[in-house]
């Protein structure tokens, strides 16, 4: 009887641990997105590790040209201006790599 109780307790503990792992990964956003995807809540605040040159390159890869005046703001978002479809517009790049117009 004692062995059965111990076995049931161990199985319960392992199943709860496995459930907790799957539950915590749902809804998380990636640290860095791919160029063909964007977080719906972008720009996301956070510690941005992109250099100015990397931020410019990422914005150009997203289809913008003439990227300029990039400044890292207090939310960790690179903000500047760029051209797209013949129009100058404000752009931003967050720490996940999301490129957005503002």
PDB file of N, CA and C in Angstrom:
ATOM      1  N   UNK A   1       0.826  -1.199   0.000  1.00  0.00           N
ATOM      2  CA  UNK A   1       0.000   0.000   0.000  1.00  0.00           C
ATOM      3  C   UNK A   1       0.869   1.262   0.000  1.00  0.00           C
ATOM      4  N   UNK A   2       1.919   1.219   0.803  1.00  0.00           N
ATOM      5  CA  UNK A   2       2.816   2.361   0.896  1.00  0.00           C
ATOM      6  C   UNK A   2       3.483   2.650  -0.443  1.00  0.00           C
ATOM      7  N   UNK A   3       3.878   1.618  -1.178  1.00  0.00           N
ATOM      8  CA  UNK A   3       4.519   1.774  -2.477  1.00  0.00           C
ATOM      9  C   UNK A   3       3.543   2.370  -3.486  1.00  0.00           C
ATOM     10  N   UNK A   4       2.296   1.982  -3.404  1.00  0.00           N
ATOM     11  CA  UNK A   4       1.280   2.504  -4.311  1.00  0.00           C
ATOM     12  C   UNK A   4       1.084   4.000  -4.094  1.00  0.00           C
ATOM     13  N   UNK A   5       1.035   4.424  -2.847  1.00  0.00           N
ATOM     14  CA  UNK A   5       0.857   5.847  -2.533  1.00  0.00           C
ATOM     15  C   UNK A   5       2.050   6.650  -3.035  1.00  0.00           C
ATOM     16  N   UNK A   6       3.244   6.133  -2.836  1.00  0.00           N
ATOM     17  CA  UNK A   6       4.445   6.819  -3.307  1.00  0.00           C
ATOM     18  C   UNK A   6       4.443   6.907  -4.829  1.00  0.00           C
ATOM     19  N   UNK A   7       4.063   5.818  -5.502  1.00  0.00           N
ATOM     20  CA  UNK A   7       4.029   5.805  -6.969  1.00  0.00           C
ATOM     21  C   UNK A   7       3.012   6.816  -7.493  1.00  0.00           C
ATOM     22  N   UNK A   8       1.850   6.876  -6.877  1.00  0.00           N
ATOM     23  CA  UNK A   8       0.813   7.824  -7.303  1.00  0.00           C
ATOM     24  C   UNK A   8       1.291   9.260  -7.072  1.00  0.00           C
ATOM     25  N   UNK A   9       1.936   9.505  -5.963  1.00  0.00           N
ATOM     26  CA  UNK A   9       2.437  10.849  -5.673  1.00  0.00           C
ATOM     27  C   UNK A   9       3.493  11.273  -6.686  1.00  0.00           C
ATOM     28  N   UNK A  10       4.399  10.373  -7.021  1.00  0.00           N
ATOM     29  CA  UNK A  10       5.429  10.686  -8.012  1.00  0.00           C
ATOM     30  C   UNK A  10       4.830  10.942  -9.389  1.00  0.00           C
ATOM     31  N   UNK A  11       3.907  10.104  -9.799  1.00  0.00           N
ATOM     32  CA  UNK A  11       3.262  10.302 -11.102  1.00  0.00           C
ATOM     33  C   UNK A  11       2.504  11.621 -11.144  1.00  0.00           C
ATOM     34  N   UNK A  12       1.847  11.957 -10.067  1.00  0.00           N
ATOM     35  CA  UNK A  12       1.120  13.229 -10.008  1.00  0.00           C
ATOM     36  C   UNK A  12       2.079  14.403 -10.122  1.00  0.00           C
ATOM     37  N   UNK A  13       3.200  14.315  -9.418  1.00  0.00           N
ATOM     38  CA  UNK A  13       4.179  15.403  -9.458  1.00  0.00           C
ATOM     39  C   UNK A  13       4.742  15.569 -10.859  1.00  0.00           C
ATOM     40  N   UNK A  14       5.062  14.474 -11.528  1.00  0.00           N
ATOM     41  CA  UNK A  14       5.602  14.570 -12.883  1.00  0.00           C
ATOM     42  C   UNK A  14       4.569  15.110 -13.866  1.00  0.00           C
ATOM     43  N   UNK A  15       3.323  14.711 -13.744  1.00  0.00           N
ATOM     44  CA  UNK A  15       2.308  15.196 -14.682  1.00  0.00           C
ATOM     45  C   UNK A  15       2.028  16.678 -14.459  1.00  0.00           C
ATOM     46  N   UNK A  16       2.042  17.132 -13.208  1.00  0.00           N
ATOM     47  CA  UNK A  16       1.853  18.560 -12.941  1.00  0.00           C
ATOM     48  C   UNK A  16       3.020  19.370 -13.480  1.00  0.00           C
ATOM     49  N   UNK A  17       4.239  18.849 -13.342  1.00  0.00           N
ATOM     50  CA  UNK A  17       5.413  19.548 -13.870  1.00  0.00           C
ATOM     51  C   UNK A  17       5.326  19.666 -15.389  1.00  0.00           C
ATOM     52  N   UNK A  18       4.935  18.606 -16.062  1.00  0.00           N
ATOM     53  CA  UNK A  18       4.811  18.642 -17.520  1.00  0.00           C
ATOM     54  C   UNK A  18       3.727  19.621 -17.942  1.00  0.00           C
ATOM     55  N   UNK A  19       2.620  19.653 -17.220  1.00  0.00           N
ATOM     56  CA  UNK A  19       1.542  20.585 -17.546  1.00  0.00           C
ATOM     57  C   UNK A  19       2.000  22.033 -17.344  1.00  0.00           C
ATOM     58  N   UNK A  20       2.730  22.273 -16.284  1.00  0.00           N
ATOM     59  CA  UNK A  20       3.203  23.630 -16.017  1.00  0.00           C
ATOM     60  C   UNK A  20       4.139  24.108 -17.117  1.00  0.00           C
ATOM     61  N   UNK A  21       4.946  23.226 -17.654  1.00  0.00           N
ATOM     62  CA  UNK A  21       5.850  23.625 -18.723  1.00  0.00           C
ATOM     63  C   UNK A  21       5.091  24.019 -19.970  1.00  0.00           C
ATOM     64  N   UNK A  22       4.075  23.267 -20.348  1.00  0.00           N
ATOM     65  CA  UNK A  22       3.333  23.622 -21.555  1.00  0.00           C
ATOM     66  C   UNK A  22       2.483  24.860 -21.329  1.00  0.00           C
ATOM     67  N   UNK A  23       1.976  25.052 -20.146  1.00  0.00           N
ATOM     68  CA  UNK A  23       1.120  26.201 -19.884  1.00  0.00           C
ATOM     69  C   UNK A  23       1.908  27.511 -19.917  1.00  0.00           C
ATOM     70  N   UNK A  24       3.160  27.493 -19.495  1.00  0.00           N
ATOM     71  CA  UNK A  24       3.899  28.742 -19.432  1.00  0.00           C
ATOM     72  C   UNK A  24       4.451  29.169 -20.786  1.00  0.00           C
ATOM     73  N   UNK A  25       4.540  28.274 -21.757  1.00  0.00           N
ATOM     74  CA  UNK A  25       5.088  28.662 -23.048  1.00  0.00           C
ATOM     75  C   UNK A  25       4.037  29.219 -23.989  1.00  0.00           C
ATOM     76  N   UNK A  26       2.776  28.987 -23.707  1.00  0.00           N
ATOM     77  CA  UNK A  26       1.730  29.510 -24.575  1.00  0.00           C
ATOM     78  C   UNK A  26       1.638  31.020 -24.435  1.00  0.00           C
ATOM     79  N   UNK A  27       1.500  31.722 -25.551  1.00  0.00           N
ATOM     80  CA  UNK A  27       1.306  33.155 -25.535  1.00  0.00           C
ATOM     81  C   UNK A  27       2.573  33.977 -25.415  1.00  0.00           C
ATOM     82  N   UNK A  28       3.715  33.333 -25.280  1.00  0.00           N
ATOM     83  CA  UNK A  28       4.954  34.091 -25.197  1.00  0.00           C
ATOM     84  C   UNK A  28       5.354  34.574 -26.582  1.00  0.00           C
ATOM     85  N   UNK A  29       6.001  35.709 -26.626  1.00  0.00           N
ATOM     86  CA  UNK A  29       6.499  36.220 -27.896  1.00  0.00           C
ATOM     87  C   UNK A  29       7.980  35.919 -27.990  1.00  0.00           C
ATOM     88  N   UNK A  30       8.478  35.755 -29.186  1.00  0.00           N
ATOM     89  CA  UNK A  30       9.899  35.441 -29.318  1.00  0.00           C
ATOM     90  C   UNK A  30      10.780  36.634 -28.964  1.00  0.00           C
ATOM     91  N   UNK A  31      12.017  36.331 -28.595  1.00  0.00           N
ATOM     92  CA  UNK A  31      12.952  37.412 -28.286  1.00  0.00           C
ATOM     93  C   UNK A  31      13.262  38.227 -29.531  1.00  0.00           C
ATOM     94  N   UNK A  32      13.383  37.554 -30.666  1.00  0.00           N
ATOM     95  CA  UNK A  32      13.633  38.228 -31.935  1.00  0.00           C
ATOM     96  C   UNK A  32      12.725  37.607 -32.976  1.00  0.00           C
ATOM     97  N   UNK A  33      11.992  38.435 -33.700  1.00  0.00           N
ATOM     98  CA  UNK A  33      11.098  37.948 -34.732  1.00  0.00           C
ATOM     99  C   UNK A  33      11.844  37.813 -36.044  1.00  0.00           C
ATOM    100  N   UNK A  34      11.256  37.071 -36.960  1.00  0.00           N
ATOM    101  CA  UNK A  34      11.836  36.955 -38.295  1.00  0.00           C
ATOM    102  C   UNK A  34      11.363  38.134 -39.127  1.00  0.00           C
ATOM    103  N   UNK A  35      12.094  38.486 -40.185  1.00  0.00           N
ATOM    104  CA  UNK A  35      11.710  39.665 -40.975  1.00  0.00           C
ATOM    105  C   UNK A  35      10.307  39.588 -41.580  1.00  0.00           C
ATOM    106  N   UNK A  36       9.751  38.387 -41.750  1.00  0.00           N
ATOM    107  CA  UNK A  36       8.426  38.277 -42.366  1.00  0.00           C
ATOM    108  C   UNK A  36       7.295  38.191 -41.340  1.00  0.00           C
ATOM    109  N   UNK A  37       7.592  38.435 -40.066  1.00  0.00           N
ATOM    110  CA  UNK A  37       6.546  38.428 -39.052  1.00  0.00           C
ATOM    111  C   UNK A  37       6.701  39.647 -38.157  1.00  0.00           C
ATOM    112  N   UNK A  38       5.600  40.064 -37.533  1.00  0.00           N
ATOM    113  CA  UNK A  38       5.613  41.210 -36.634  1.00  0.00           C
ATOM    114  C   UNK A  38       4.731  40.906 -35.440  1.00  0.00           C
ATOM    115  N   UNK A  39       5.188  41.249 -34.272  1.00  0.00           N
ATOM    116  CA  UNK A  39       4.391  41.106 -33.070  1.00  0.00           C
ATOM    117  C   UNK A  39       3.241  42.105 -33.157  1.00  0.00           C
ATOM    118  N   UNK A  40       2.042  41.645 -32.900  1.00  0.00           N
ATOM    119  CA  UNK A  40       0.864  42.508 -33.021  1.00  0.00           C
ATOM    120  C   UNK A  40       0.895  43.685 -32.053  1.00  0.00           C
ATOM    121  N   UNK A  41       1.641  43.579 -30.976  1.00  0.00           N
ATOM    122  CA  UNK A  41       1.700  44.665 -29.998  1.00  0.00           C
ATOM    123  C   UNK A  41       2.917  45.561 -30.201  1.00  0.00           C
ATOM    124  N   UNK A  42       3.586  45.428 -31.342  1.00  0.00           N
ATOM    125  CA  UNK A  42       4.807  46.202 -31.623  1.00  0.00           C
ATOM    126  C   UNK A  42       4.494  47.689 -31.713  1.00  0.00           C
ATOM    127  N   UNK A  43       5.417  48.557 -31.355  1.00  0.00           N
ATOM    128  CA  UNK A  43       6.740  48.243 -30.847  1.00  0.00           C
ATOM    129  C   UNK A  43       6.689  47.838 -29.374  1.00  0.00           C
ATOM    130  N   UNK A  44       7.486  46.824 -29.036  1.00  0.00           N
ATOM    131  CA  UNK A  44       7.512  46.271 -27.694  1.00  0.00           C
ATOM    132  C   UNK A  44       8.650  46.914 -26.903  1.00  0.00           C
ATOM    133  N   UNK A  45       8.330  47.399 -25.705  1.00  0.00           N
ATOM    134  CA  UNK A  45       9.357  47.992 -24.850  1.00  0.00           C
ATOM    135  C   UNK A  45      10.301  46.915 -24.343  1.00  0.00           C
ATOM    136  N   UNK A  46      11.586  47.249 -24.230  1.00  0.00           N
ATOM    137  CA  UNK A  46      12.548  46.320 -23.666  1.00  0.00           C
ATOM    138  C   UNK A  46      13.964  46.741 -23.976  1.00  0.00           C
ATOM    139  N   UNK A  47      14.898  46.075 -23.343  1.00  0.00           N
ATOM    140  CA  UNK A  47      16.314  46.373 -23.540  1.00  0.00           C
ATOM    141  C   UNK A  47      16.718  45.994 -24.959  1.00  0.00           C
ATOM    142  N   UNK A  48      17.045  46.970 -25.762  1.00  0.00           N
ATOM    143  CA  UNK A  48      17.351  46.763 -27.174  1.00  0.00           C
ATOM    144  C   UNK A  48      18.848  46.567 -27.354  1.00  0.00           C
ATOM    145  N   UNK A  49      19.239  45.432 -27.933  1.00  0.00           N
ATOM    146  CA  UNK A  49      20.658  45.155 -28.138  1.00  0.00           C
ATOM    147  C   UNK A  49      21.107  45.414 -29.579  1.00  0.00           C
ATOM    148  N   UNK A  50      20.187  45.878 -30.442  1.00  0.00           N
ATOM    149  CA  UNK A  50      20.567  46.227 -31.805  1.00  0.00           C
ATOM    150  C   UNK A  50      21.440  47.474 -31.787  1.00  0.00           C
ATOM    151  N   UNK A  51      22.515  47.460 -32.553  1.00  0.00           N
ATOM    152  CA  UNK A  51      23.296  48.688 -32.734  1.00  0.00           C
ATOM    153  C   UNK A  51      22.539  49.563 -33.737  1.00  0.00           C
ATOM    154  N   UNK A  52      22.966  50.802 -33.883  1.00  0.00           N
ATOM    155  CA  UNK A  52      22.320  51.690 -34.844  1.00  0.00           C
ATOM    156  C   UNK A  52      22.431  51.119 -36.263  1.00  0.00           C
ATOM    157  N   UNK A  53      23.614  50.576 -36.604  1.00  0.00           N
ATOM    158  CA  UNK A  53      23.812  49.991 -37.940  1.00  0.00           C
ATOM    159  C   UNK A  53      22.912  48.774 -38.148  1.00  0.00           C
ATOM    160  N   UNK A  54      22.772  47.941 -37.127  1.00  0.00           N
ATOM    161  CA  UNK A  54      21.897  46.770 -37.245  1.00  0.00           C
ATOM    162  C   UNK A  54      20.441  47.192 -37.362  1.00  0.00           C
ATOM    163  N   UNK A  55      20.048  48.224 -36.618  1.00  0.00           N
ATOM    164  CA  UNK A  55      18.673  48.721 -36.695  1.00  0.00           C
ATOM    165  C   UNK A  55      18.378  49.240 -38.101  1.00  0.00           C
ATOM    166  N   UNK A  56      19.313  49.996 -38.650  1.00  0.00           N
ATOM    167  CA  UNK A  56      19.139  50.525 -40.004  1.00  0.00           C
ATOM    168  C   UNK A  56      19.021  49.386 -41.007  1.00  0.00           C
ATOM    169  N   UNK A  57      19.882  48.391 -40.879  1.00  0.00           N
ATOM    170  CA  UNK A  57      19.852  47.242 -41.792  1.00  0.00           C
ATOM    171  C   UNK A  57      18.520  46.496 -41.703  1.00  0.00           C
ATOM    172  N   UNK A  58      18.021  46.320 -40.503  1.00  0.00           N
ATOM    173  CA  UNK A  58      16.749  45.608 -40.303  1.00  0.00           C
ATOM    174  C   UNK A  58      15.594  46.401 -40.929  1.00  0.00           C
ATOM    175  N   UNK A  59      15.620  47.714 -40.808  1.00  0.00           N
ATOM    176  CA  UNK A  59      14.568  48.552 -41.376  1.00  0.00           C
ATOM    177  C   UNK A  59      14.631  48.505 -42.901  1.00  0.00           C
ATOM    178  N   UNK A  60      15.829  48.532 -43.473  1.00  0.00           N
ATOM    179  CA  UNK A  60      15.999  48.421 -44.928  1.00  0.00           C
ATOM    180  C   UNK A  60      15.483  47.065 -45.414  1.00  0.00           C
ATOM    181  N   UNK A  61      15.786  45.993 -44.672  1.00  0.00           N
ATOM    182  CA  UNK A  61      15.302  44.655 -45.030  1.00  0.00           C
ATOM    183  C   UNK A  61      13.781  44.580 -45.038  1.00  0.00           C
ATOM    184  N   UNK A  62      13.142  45.461 -44.275  1.00  0.00           N
ATOM    185  CA  UNK A  62      11.677  45.493 -44.214  1.00  0.00           C
ATOM    186  C   UNK A  62      11.073  46.293 -45.363  1.00  0.00           C
ATOM    187  N   UNK A  63      11.921  46.797 -46.275  1.00  0.00           N
ATOM    188  CA  UNK A  63      11.403  47.475 -47.458  1.00  0.00           C
ATOM    189  C   UNK A  63      11.488  48.990 -47.436  1.00  0.00           C
ATOM    190  N   UNK A  64      12.203  49.546 -46.483  1.00  0.00           N
ATOM    191  CA  UNK A  64      12.341  50.992 -46.395  1.00  0.00           C
ATOM    192  C   UNK A  64      13.671  51.424 -46.996  1.00  0.00           C
ATOM    193  N   UNK A  65      13.749  52.700 -47.367  1.00  0.00           N
ATOM    194  CA  UNK A  65      14.988  53.268 -47.924  1.00  0.00           C
ATOM    195  C   UNK A  65      15.278  54.580 -47.206  1.00  0.00           C
ATOM    196  N   UNK A  66      16.480  55.090 -47.415  1.00  0.00           N
ATOM    197  CA  UNK A  66      16.882  56.385 -46.847  1.00  0.00           C
ATOM    198  C   UNK A  66      16.583  56.484 -45.347  1.00  0.00           C
ATOM    199  N   UNK A  67      16.964  55.476 -44.598  1.00  0.00           N
ATOM    200  CA  UNK A  67      16.740  55.462 -43.149  1.00  0.00           C
ATOM    201  C   UNK A  67      17.681  56.462 -42.502  1.00  0.00           C
ATOM    202  N   UNK A  68      17.135  57.318 -41.672  1.00  0.00           N
ATOM    203  CA  UNK A  68      17.971  58.327 -41.032  1.00  0.00           C
ATOM    204  C   UNK A  68      17.439  58.759 -39.687  1.00  0.00           C
ATOM    205  N   UNK A  69      18.230  59.572 -39.008  1.00  0.00           N
ATOM    206  CA  UNK A  69      17.879  60.169 -37.719  1.00  0.00           C
ATOM    207  C   UNK A  69      17.498  59.127 -36.674  1.00  0.00           C
ATOM    208  N   UNK A  70      18.157  57.967 -36.693  1.00  0.00           N
ATOM    209  CA  UNK A  70      17.823  56.925 -35.720  1.00  0.00           C
ATOM    210  C   UNK A  70      18.337  57.299 -34.337  1.00  0.00           C
ATOM    211  N   UNK A  71      17.457  57.183 -33.366  1.00  0.00           N
ATOM    212  CA  UNK A  71      17.784  57.430 -31.969  1.00  0.00           C
ATOM    213  C   UNK A  71      17.103  56.356 -31.132  1.00  0.00           C
ATOM    214  N   UNK A  72      17.822  55.845 -30.145  1.00  0.00           N
ATOM    215  CA  UNK A  72      17.258  54.864 -29.222  1.00  0.00           C
ATOM    216  C   UNK A  72      16.531  55.613 -28.114  1.00  0.00           C
ATOM    217  N   UNK A  73      15.208  55.388 -27.994  1.00  0.00           N
ATOM    218  CA  UNK A  73      14.445  56.120 -26.981  1.00  0.00           C
ATOM    219  C   UNK A  73      14.453  55.392 -25.638  1.00  0.00           C
ATOM    220  N   UNK A  74      13.795  55.972 -24.647  1.00  0.00           N
ATOM    221  CA  UNK A  74      13.801  55.430 -23.288  1.00  0.00           C
ATOM    222  C   UNK A  74      13.035  54.113 -23.156  1.00  0.00           C
ATOM    223  N   UNK A  75      12.213  53.755 -24.127  1.00  0.00           N
ATOM    224  CA  UNK A  75      11.517  52.476 -24.116  1.00  0.00           C
ATOM    225  C   UNK A  75      12.335  51.365 -24.787  1.00  0.00           C
ATOM    226  N   UNK A  76      13.487  51.709 -25.320  1.00  0.00           N
ATOM    227  CA  UNK A  76      14.317  50.718 -25.996  1.00  0.00           C
ATOM    228  C   UNK A  76      13.932  50.522 -27.452  1.00  0.00           C
ATOM    229  N   UNK A  77      13.301  51.515 -28.056  1.00  0.00           N
ATOM    230  CA  UNK A  77      12.878  51.445 -29.454  1.00  0.00           C
ATOM    231  C   UNK A  77      13.726  52.408 -30.281  1.00  0.00           C
ATOM    232  N   UNK A  78      14.316  51.881 -31.355  1.00  0.00           N
ATOM    233  CA  UNK A  78      15.031  52.761 -32.294  1.00  0.00           C
ATOM    234  C   UNK A  78      13.979  53.496 -33.102  1.00  0.00           C
ATOM    235  N   UNK A  79      14.024  54.813 -33.122  1.00  0.00           N
ATOM    236  CA  UNK A  79      13.059  55.618 -33.879  1.00  0.00           C
ATOM    237  C   UNK A  79      13.808  56.526 -34.840  1.00  0.00           C
ATOM    238  N   UNK A  80      13.217  56.690 -36.017  1.00  0.00           N
ATOM    239  CA  UNK A  80      13.817  57.554 -37.026  1.00  0.00           C
ATOM    240  C   UNK A  80      12.836  57.784 -38.156  1.00  0.00           C
ATOM    241  N   UNK A  81      13.375  58.125 -39.328  1.00  0.00           N
ATOM    242  CA  UNK A  81      12.541  58.335 -40.508  1.00  0.00           C
ATOM    243  C   UNK A  81      13.070  57.467 -41.639  1.00  0.00           C
ATOM    244  N   UNK A  82      12.184  57.164 -42.582  1.00  0.00           N
ATOM    245  CA  UNK A  82      12.572  56.367 -43.745  1.00  0.00           C
ATOM    246  C   UNK A  82      11.577  56.612 -44.863  1.00  0.00           C
ATOM    247  N   UNK A  83      11.978  56.221 -46.066  1.00  0.00           N
ATOM    248  CA  UNK A  83      11.120  56.367 -47.251  1.00  0.00           C
ATOM    249  C   UNK A  83      10.532  55.007 -47.633  1.00  0.00           C
ATOM    250  N   UNK A  84       9.252  55.033 -47.994  1.00  0.00           N
ATOM    251  CA  UNK A  84       8.604  53.846 -48.541  1.00  0.00           C
ATOM    252  C   UNK A  84       7.485  54.307 -49.465  1.00  0.00           C
ATOM    253  N   UNK A  85       7.436  53.718 -50.640  1.00  0.00           N
ATOM    254  CA  UNK A  85       6.429  54.084 -51.635  1.00  0.00           C
ATOM    255  C   UNK A  85       6.448  55.584 -51.937  1.00  0.00           C
ATOM    256  N   UNK A  86       7.643  56.161 -51.954  1.00  0.00           N
ATOM    257  CA  UNK A  86       7.797  57.570 -52.285  1.00  0.00           C
ATOM    258  C   UNK A  86       7.421  58.530 -51.186  1.00  0.00           C
ATOM    259  N   UNK A  87       7.145  58.031 -49.986  1.00  0.00           N
ATOM    260  CA  UNK A  87       6.736  58.892 -48.876  1.00  0.00           C
ATOM    261  C   UNK A  87       7.702  58.739 -47.707  1.00  0.00           C
ATOM    262  N   UNK A  88       8.016  59.859 -47.081  1.00  0.00           N
ATOM    263  CA  UNK A  88       8.826  59.837 -45.867  1.00  0.00           C
ATOM    264  C   UNK A  88       7.899  59.601 -44.685  1.00  0.00           C
ATOM    265  N   UNK A  89       8.324  58.720 -43.798  1.00  0.00           N
ATOM    266  CA  UNK A  89       7.478  58.410 -42.643  1.00  0.00           C
ATOM    267  C   UNK A  89       8.331  58.042 -41.434  1.00  0.00           C
ATOM    268  N   UNK A  90       7.772  58.219 -40.231  1.00  0.00           N
ATOM    269  CA  UNK A  90       8.490  57.794 -39.035  1.00  0.00           C
ATOM    270  C   UNK A  90       8.475  56.263 -38.942  1.00  0.00           C
ATOM    271  N   UNK A  91       9.600  55.678 -38.519  1.00  0.00           N
ATOM    272  CA  UNK A  91       9.689  54.229 -38.351  1.00  0.00           C
ATOM    273  C   UNK A  91      10.281  53.922 -36.979  1.00  0.00           C
ATOM    274  N   UNK A  92      10.047  52.704 -36.531  1.00  0.00           N
ATOM    275  CA  UNK A  92      10.609  52.256 -35.268  1.00  0.00           C
ATOM    276  C   UNK A  92      11.021  50.805 -35.363  1.00  0.00           C
ATOM    277  N   UNK A  93      11.996  50.429 -34.558  1.00  0.00           N
ATOM    278  CA  UNK A  93      12.466  49.050 -34.463  1.00  0.00           C
ATOM    279  C   UNK A  93      12.615  48.713 -32.989  1.00  0.00           C
ATOM    280  N   UNK A  94      11.849  47.711 -32.517  1.00  0.00           N
ATOM    281  CA  UNK A  94      11.938  47.345 -31.105  1.00  0.00           C
ATOM    282  C   UNK A  94      12.969  46.240 -30.891  1.00  0.00           C
ATOM    283  N   UNK A  95      13.151  45.825 -29.653  1.00  0.00           N
ATOM    284  CA  UNK A  95      14.187  44.854 -29.322  1.00  0.00           C
ATOM    285  C   UNK A  95      13.933  43.479 -29.923  1.00  0.00           C
ATOM    286  N   UNK A  96      12.697  43.189 -30.320  1.00  0.00           N
ATOM    287  CA  UNK A  96      12.377  41.919 -30.952  1.00  0.00           C
ATOM    288  C   UNK A  96      12.668  41.929 -32.445  1.00  0.00           C
ATOM    289  N   UNK A  97      12.924  43.092 -33.001  1.00  0.00           N
ATOM    290  CA  UNK A  97      13.181  43.211 -34.437  1.00  0.00           C
ATOM    291  C   UNK A  97      11.944  43.603 -35.218  1.00  0.00           C
ATOM    292  N   UNK A  98      10.870  43.954 -34.536  1.00  0.00           N
ATOM    293  CA  UNK A  98       9.651  44.410 -35.206  1.00  0.00           C
ATOM    294  C   UNK A  98       9.883  45.797 -35.798  1.00  0.00           C
ATOM    295  N   UNK A  99       9.624  45.945 -37.094  1.00  0.00           N
ATOM    296  CA  UNK A  99       9.722  47.242 -37.753  1.00  0.00           C
ATOM    297  C   UNK A  99       8.306  47.770 -37.912  1.00  0.00           C
ATOM    298  N   UNK A 100       8.080  48.973 -37.400  1.00  0.00           N
ATOM    299  CA  UNK A 100       6.744  49.559 -37.452  1.00  0.00           C
ATOM    300  C   UNK A 100       6.806  51.003 -37.931  1.00  0.00           C
ATOM    301  N   UNK A 101       5.706  51.454 -38.519  1.00  0.00           N
ATOM    302  CA  UNK A 101       5.557  52.883 -38.803  1.00  0.00           C
ATOM    303  C   UNK A 101       4.720  53.469 -37.686  1.00  0.00           C
ATOM    304  N   UNK A 102       5.003  54.729 -37.369  1.00  0.00           N
ATOM    305  CA  UNK A 102       4.283  55.326 -36.231  1.00  0.00           C
ATOM    306  C   UNK A 102       3.316  56.360 -36.667  1.00  0.00           C
TER     307      UNK A 102
END
